[in-house]
Protein backbone atom coordinates (compact mmCIF):
# COMPACT_ATOMS: atom_id res chain seq x y z
CA MET A 1 -13.76 238.85 4.53
CA SER A 2 -10.12 239.67 4.04
CA ILE A 3 -7.44 237.06 3.27
CA VAL A 4 -3.62 236.89 3.03
CA VAL A 5 -2.04 235.13 0.09
CA SER A 6 1.64 234.17 -0.20
CA LEU A 7 3.10 234.10 -3.71
CA PRO A 8 6.52 232.95 -4.97
CA SER A 9 6.94 235.27 -7.97
CA ASP A 10 6.71 238.88 -8.97
CA GLU A 11 4.17 238.09 -11.71
CA LEU A 12 1.73 236.44 -9.35
CA PHE A 13 2.30 239.14 -6.69
CA GLN A 14 1.50 241.89 -9.16
CA ALA A 15 -1.55 240.03 -10.47
CA LEU A 16 -3.11 239.94 -6.99
CA SER A 17 -2.03 243.37 -5.88
CA GLY A 18 -4.86 245.87 -5.52
CA LEU A 19 -7.63 243.28 -5.35
CA PRO A 20 -10.12 244.21 -2.65
CA GLY A 21 -10.00 241.99 0.44
CA ILE A 22 -6.75 240.27 -0.68
CA THR A 23 -3.35 241.02 0.80
CA PRO A 24 -0.50 239.50 -1.22
CA VAL A 25 2.88 238.74 0.37
CA ARG A 26 6.08 237.25 -1.08
CA TRP A 27 7.19 233.81 0.15
CA ASP A 28 9.14 231.06 -1.66
CA LEU A 29 9.02 228.55 1.29
CA GLU A 30 12.77 228.74 1.67
CA GLU A 31 12.96 231.74 3.96
CA PRO A 32 10.89 232.10 7.17
CA PRO A 33 7.30 233.15 6.31
CA PRO A 34 6.68 236.93 6.29
CA ARG A 35 3.66 236.33 8.56
CA LYS A 36 1.91 233.30 10.02
CA ASP A 37 -1.68 234.19 9.37
CA LEU A 38 -1.73 232.99 5.74
CA ASP A 39 -4.95 231.86 4.13
CA LEU A 40 -3.63 230.73 0.75
CA VAL A 41 -0.07 229.62 -0.09
CA VAL A 42 1.27 229.19 -3.63
CA PRO A 43 4.54 227.22 -3.68
CA PRO A 44 7.16 227.76 -6.43
CA TYR A 45 6.70 225.94 -9.68
CA LEU A 46 8.21 222.41 -9.73
CA SER A 47 9.15 222.65 -6.02
CA LYS A 48 9.53 219.17 -4.53
CA PRO A 49 7.04 217.89 -1.93
CA PRO A 50 9.52 218.16 1.00
CA ALA A 51 9.39 221.94 0.55
CA LEU A 52 5.86 221.81 1.88
CA ARG A 53 7.18 221.06 5.39
CA ALA A 54 7.83 224.80 5.64
CA LEU A 55 4.08 225.15 6.12
CA GLU A 56 4.61 223.93 9.67
CA GLN A 57 5.63 227.51 10.40
CA VAL A 58 2.15 228.91 9.55
CA GLY A 59 -1.43 228.21 10.49
CA ARG A 60 -3.59 225.75 8.60
CA CYS A 61 -4.54 227.11 5.18
CA VAL A 62 -5.09 226.28 1.54
CA VAL A 63 -2.16 225.34 -0.71
CA GLN A 64 -2.53 226.00 -4.41
CA SER A 65 0.05 224.11 -6.49
CA GLN A 66 1.27 225.25 -9.86
CA SER A 67 1.53 221.64 -11.15
CA ILE A 68 -1.02 218.94 -12.01
CA GLY A 69 0.78 216.02 -10.36
CA TYR A 70 0.79 215.73 -6.59
CA ASP A 71 2.59 212.45 -6.00
CA GLY A 72 4.37 212.51 -2.68
CA VAL A 73 2.45 215.52 -1.43
CA SER A 74 0.31 213.68 1.12
CA GLN A 75 3.45 212.45 2.87
CA ALA A 76 4.97 215.99 3.15
CA LEU A 77 1.85 218.14 3.69
CA PRO A 78 1.34 218.97 7.34
CA GLU A 79 -1.89 217.74 8.88
CA GLY A 80 -4.93 219.93 8.50
CA PHE A 81 -4.00 221.65 5.21
CA THR A 82 -6.07 221.62 2.02
CA PHE A 83 -4.15 221.07 -1.23
CA CYS A 84 -5.36 222.00 -4.74
CA ASN A 85 -3.56 221.05 -7.94
CA ALA A 86 -3.34 223.06 -11.17
CA ALA A 87 -5.71 221.13 -13.38
CA SER A 88 -6.65 223.24 -16.43
CA VAL A 89 -3.19 224.89 -16.58
CA HIS A 90 -0.84 222.45 -18.21
CA GLU A 91 -2.95 219.93 -20.16
CA THR A 92 -2.90 221.78 -23.47
CA SER A 93 0.86 222.47 -23.50
CA THR A 94 1.69 218.94 -22.38
CA ALA A 95 -0.49 217.50 -25.15
CA GLU A 96 1.23 219.79 -27.67
CA LEU A 97 4.59 218.37 -26.64
CA ALA A 98 3.38 214.82 -26.77
CA VAL A 99 2.21 215.30 -30.35
CA GLY A 100 5.47 217.09 -31.17
CA LEU A 101 7.53 214.26 -29.73
CA ILE A 102 5.58 211.71 -31.72
CA ILE A 103 6.03 213.59 -35.01
CA ALA A 104 9.74 214.31 -34.31
CA ALA A 105 10.40 210.62 -33.60
CA GLN A 106 8.27 209.26 -36.40
CA ARG A 107 9.73 211.61 -39.01
CA GLU A 108 13.28 211.34 -37.54
CA LEU A 109 13.64 215.06 -37.16
CA PRO A 110 16.57 214.86 -34.68
CA GLY A 111 18.66 212.96 -37.29
CA PHE A 112 17.86 215.53 -39.96
CA VAL A 113 18.80 218.37 -37.64
CA LEU A 114 22.15 216.74 -36.81
CA ALA A 115 22.79 216.13 -40.51
CA ALA A 116 21.99 219.77 -41.34
CA GLN A 117 24.45 220.91 -38.66
CA GLN A 118 27.08 218.98 -40.62
CA GLY A 119 25.93 220.50 -43.93
CA GLU A 120 24.58 217.13 -45.12
CA TRP A 121 21.49 216.65 -47.27
CA ARG A 122 20.39 213.29 -45.88
CA GLY A 123 16.93 212.03 -47.05
CA GLY A 124 15.11 208.76 -46.89
CA THR A 125 11.74 207.24 -46.02
CA THR A 126 10.42 207.84 -42.48
CA ARG A 127 7.49 206.51 -40.51
CA SER A 128 4.16 208.22 -40.89
CA LEU A 129 1.86 209.15 -38.04
CA ALA A 130 -1.13 208.72 -40.36
CA ASP A 131 -2.53 205.20 -40.40
CA SER A 132 -0.75 204.35 -37.13
CA GLN A 133 -2.46 202.84 -34.13
CA VAL A 134 -1.88 205.10 -31.11
CA LEU A 135 -2.52 203.80 -27.61
CA VAL A 136 -3.05 206.55 -25.04
CA ILE A 137 -2.80 205.32 -21.49
CA GLY A 138 -4.47 207.66 -19.06
CA GLN A 139 -7.73 209.49 -19.67
CA GLY A 140 -7.47 212.37 -17.27
CA GLY A 141 -6.98 215.94 -18.54
CA VAL A 142 -3.68 215.32 -20.26
CA GLY A 143 -4.75 212.04 -21.85
CA ARG A 144 -7.96 213.57 -23.20
CA ALA A 145 -6.03 216.55 -24.54
CA VAL A 146 -3.62 214.20 -26.33
CA THR A 147 -6.37 212.13 -27.95
CA SER A 148 -8.27 215.21 -29.12
CA ARG A 149 -5.16 216.56 -30.82
CA LEU A 150 -4.25 213.28 -32.41
CA ALA A 151 -7.71 212.67 -33.88
CA PRO A 152 -7.11 214.83 -37.01
CA PHE A 153 -3.93 212.95 -37.93
CA GLU A 154 -5.88 210.01 -39.36
CA VAL A 155 -4.73 207.57 -36.68
CA THR A 156 -6.56 204.75 -35.00
CA LEU A 157 -6.88 205.87 -31.38
CA VAL A 158 -7.11 203.34 -28.55
CA ARG A 159 -7.81 204.80 -25.14
CA VAL A 160 -6.92 203.14 -21.82
CA ALA A 161 -7.86 204.06 -18.29
CA SER A 162 -7.70 202.26 -14.95
CA LYS A 163 -11.00 200.56 -15.65
CA SER A 164 -12.92 199.83 -18.86
CA ARG A 165 -15.98 201.88 -19.62
CA THR A 166 -18.03 203.42 -22.37
CA ASP A 167 -18.03 207.23 -22.38
CA ALA A 168 -21.16 209.34 -22.78
CA ASP A 169 -20.25 209.84 -26.42
CA GLY A 170 -20.23 206.09 -26.96
CA GLU A 171 -16.45 205.77 -27.17
CA VAL A 172 -14.86 202.67 -25.63
CA VAL A 173 -12.20 203.14 -22.99
CA HIS A 174 -10.23 200.00 -22.26
CA GLY A 175 -8.98 199.01 -18.85
CA VAL A 176 -5.30 198.58 -17.97
CA ASP A 177 -5.97 194.86 -17.50
CA GLU A 178 -6.35 194.67 -21.28
CA LEU A 179 -2.88 196.01 -22.05
CA PRO A 180 -1.37 192.53 -22.79
CA GLN A 181 -3.81 192.28 -25.73
CA LEU A 182 -3.58 195.92 -26.79
CA LEU A 183 0.20 196.56 -26.70
CA PRO A 184 1.23 194.17 -29.53
CA GLU A 185 -1.02 196.15 -31.98
CA ALA A 186 0.18 199.63 -31.09
CA ASP A 187 2.59 201.66 -33.22
CA VAL A 188 2.76 204.42 -30.66
CA VAL A 189 2.06 204.27 -26.89
CA VAL A 190 1.58 207.53 -24.97
CA LEU A 191 1.82 207.53 -21.21
CA ALA A 192 -0.39 210.22 -19.61
CA VAL A 193 -1.19 208.72 -16.20
CA PRO A 194 -0.71 210.19 -12.73
CA LEU A 195 1.98 208.64 -10.59
CA GLY A 196 0.67 206.43 -7.82
CA PRO A 197 0.90 202.93 -6.43
CA GLY A 198 -0.97 201.52 -9.45
CA THR A 199 1.17 203.22 -12.05
CA THR A 200 4.70 203.22 -10.57
CA GLY A 201 6.67 200.77 -12.67
CA LEU A 202 3.72 200.20 -15.03
CA VAL A 203 6.11 200.02 -17.95
CA ASP A 204 8.29 197.09 -16.99
CA GLU A 205 10.13 194.34 -18.87
CA ALA A 206 6.89 192.46 -19.67
CA PHE A 207 5.19 195.64 -20.92
CA LEU A 208 8.09 196.46 -23.21
CA ALA A 209 8.40 192.92 -24.44
CA ALA A 210 4.78 193.01 -25.51
CA LEU A 211 5.38 195.97 -27.92
CA LYS A 212 5.83 195.31 -31.61
CA PRO A 213 9.33 195.85 -33.04
CA GLY A 214 9.95 199.55 -33.72
CA ALA A 215 7.06 200.77 -31.60
CA LEU A 216 7.41 204.22 -30.06
CA LEU A 217 6.93 204.82 -26.31
CA VAL A 218 6.17 208.45 -25.33
CA ASN A 219 6.22 209.46 -21.69
CA VAL A 220 4.71 212.80 -20.71
CA ALA A 221 3.51 211.46 -17.33
CA ARG A 222 6.08 210.92 -14.62
CA GLY A 223 9.49 209.25 -14.83
CA PRO A 224 8.84 206.42 -12.33
CA VAL A 225 5.94 205.19 -14.42
CA VAL A 226 8.69 203.54 -16.49
CA ASN A 227 11.32 201.13 -15.18
CA THR A 228 14.40 202.86 -16.50
CA ASP A 229 16.61 199.78 -16.50
CA ALA A 230 14.07 197.78 -18.47
CA LEU A 231 13.59 200.63 -20.93
CA GLY A 232 17.31 201.09 -21.36
CA ALA A 233 17.73 197.39 -22.11
CA ALA A 234 14.93 197.39 -24.71
CA LEU A 235 16.34 200.51 -26.39
CA SER A 236 19.91 199.17 -26.38
CA GLU A 237 18.67 196.05 -28.16
CA GLY A 238 17.00 198.30 -30.77
CA ARG A 239 13.62 196.63 -30.32
CA ILE A 240 11.67 199.88 -29.66
CA ARG A 241 12.06 203.62 -29.65
CA ALA A 242 11.24 206.21 -26.99
CA ALA A 243 10.48 209.91 -26.62
CA LEU A 244 10.67 211.12 -22.99
CA ASP A 245 9.80 214.39 -21.38
CA VAL A 246 10.26 212.81 -17.95
CA THR A 247 12.79 210.34 -16.66
CA ASP A 248 13.77 208.45 -13.55
CA PRO A 249 16.07 209.77 -12.15
CA GLU A 250 15.29 213.39 -12.93
CA PRO A 251 17.14 215.40 -13.97
CA LEU A 252 18.84 212.67 -15.98
CA PRO A 253 22.53 212.91 -14.90
CA ALA A 254 25.34 213.45 -17.36
CA GLY A 255 26.76 210.15 -18.48
CA HIS A 256 23.51 208.24 -18.02
CA PRO A 257 23.20 205.41 -20.55
CA LEU A 258 19.97 206.89 -22.08
CA TRP A 259 21.95 209.93 -23.34
CA LYS A 260 24.07 207.70 -25.49
CA LEU A 261 21.24 206.01 -27.41
CA ASP A 262 20.18 207.30 -30.82
CA ASN A 263 16.69 205.76 -30.66
CA VAL A 264 15.47 207.90 -27.75
CA LEU A 265 14.51 211.59 -27.81
CA ILE A 266 14.69 213.36 -24.43
CA THR A 267 13.31 216.73 -23.44
CA PRO A 268 13.91 218.11 -19.88
CA HIS A 269 10.41 217.99 -18.35
CA VAL A 270 9.16 221.00 -20.23
CA GLY A 271 5.68 219.69 -21.13
CA GLY A 272 3.70 222.34 -19.33
CA ASN A 273 6.36 225.05 -19.16
CA THR A 274 5.28 227.30 -22.03
CA THR A 275 4.16 230.89 -22.50
CA ALA A 276 0.61 229.68 -21.87
CA MET A 277 1.51 228.70 -18.30
CA THR A 278 1.87 232.06 -16.53
CA PRO A 279 -1.48 233.56 -17.64
CA ARG A 280 -3.27 230.30 -16.87
CA VAL A 281 -1.70 229.94 -13.44
CA THR A 282 -2.40 233.59 -12.74
CA ALA A 283 -6.05 233.17 -13.64
CA LEU A 284 -6.33 230.07 -11.47
CA VAL A 285 -4.62 231.62 -8.46
CA ARG A 286 -6.75 234.73 -8.70
CA ALA A 287 -9.95 232.71 -8.98
CA GLN A 288 -8.98 230.59 -5.97
CA ALA A 289 -8.10 233.68 -3.91
CA GLU A 290 -11.38 235.37 -4.77
CA ALA A 291 -13.33 232.19 -4.03
CA LEU A 292 -11.64 231.84 -0.65
CA ARG A 293 -12.31 235.50 0.15
CA ASP A 294 -15.94 235.23 -0.82
CA GLY A 295 -16.58 231.92 0.94
CA LYS A 296 -17.22 230.08 -2.35
CA PRO A 297 -16.12 226.54 -3.25
CA LEU A 298 -12.52 226.03 -4.33
CA ARG A 299 -11.49 224.24 -7.53
CA ASN A 300 -9.17 221.25 -7.89
CA ILE A 301 -9.15 220.09 -4.28
CA VAL A 302 -7.18 216.84 -4.19
CA ILE A 303 -6.26 216.65 -0.52
CA GLU A 304 -8.39 217.95 2.35
CA PRO A 305 -8.46 217.49 6.14
């Protein structure tokens, strides 16, 4: 069997060039498709769901995303298409950033950097990650990657998922219904949930009010998981701290109140965007193309006809 695969970048195009039974073509979903008989389409990285409406110009096929999240895709994806996410690509890098954000916030690294830029030797006692209780909300790929990397830091890990359970290794996973009892004990709360009806606005005024004074909220999930107005109010009052790789709105516009607060650390949605991404995406796309060519099962199907 021979298949046609559309790719948005030179790197992916070159990676699939020369493979038997696979014809790569370039398409970024902005211009008309180079041909309509596509079997596999890879959209550009971080393209918004509305871009998928360009698929109405081609026949029904498989869409392989370069991102883990797929919120809003079902509303934009034309009927009859199969959609696969990029599970296995971004979890490690996102977890690295989550740990980095925690350490940077706990040890007040941004303040030290600003002082150094002024030529100031400004010391003092900072918070330790060791001996902290860290609550990780979300036990999918990113949440599990975060917990595994935090374990060596001598913290008390509390894991939370949509429903309570006991894992095969005997570890307890709490349900989200237990958050009112868990939040007041947490020193650090990490958000690693997918965005959906059950998680949109999860972090609201009541959630934030339940946190202990000085607690750190880390969001490497999606911006709308947090009510921005409620977070801004809690930060402005100095009750808590935050480290955000995602925001709502996103990008965070110039002049937004969050930029002016010194108890929030913001990175521009770069969790998965590292040097590890391209080779991992390339390996996934190649594996999916070969599976489709050979009539074998695809990985990471999250929407199907």
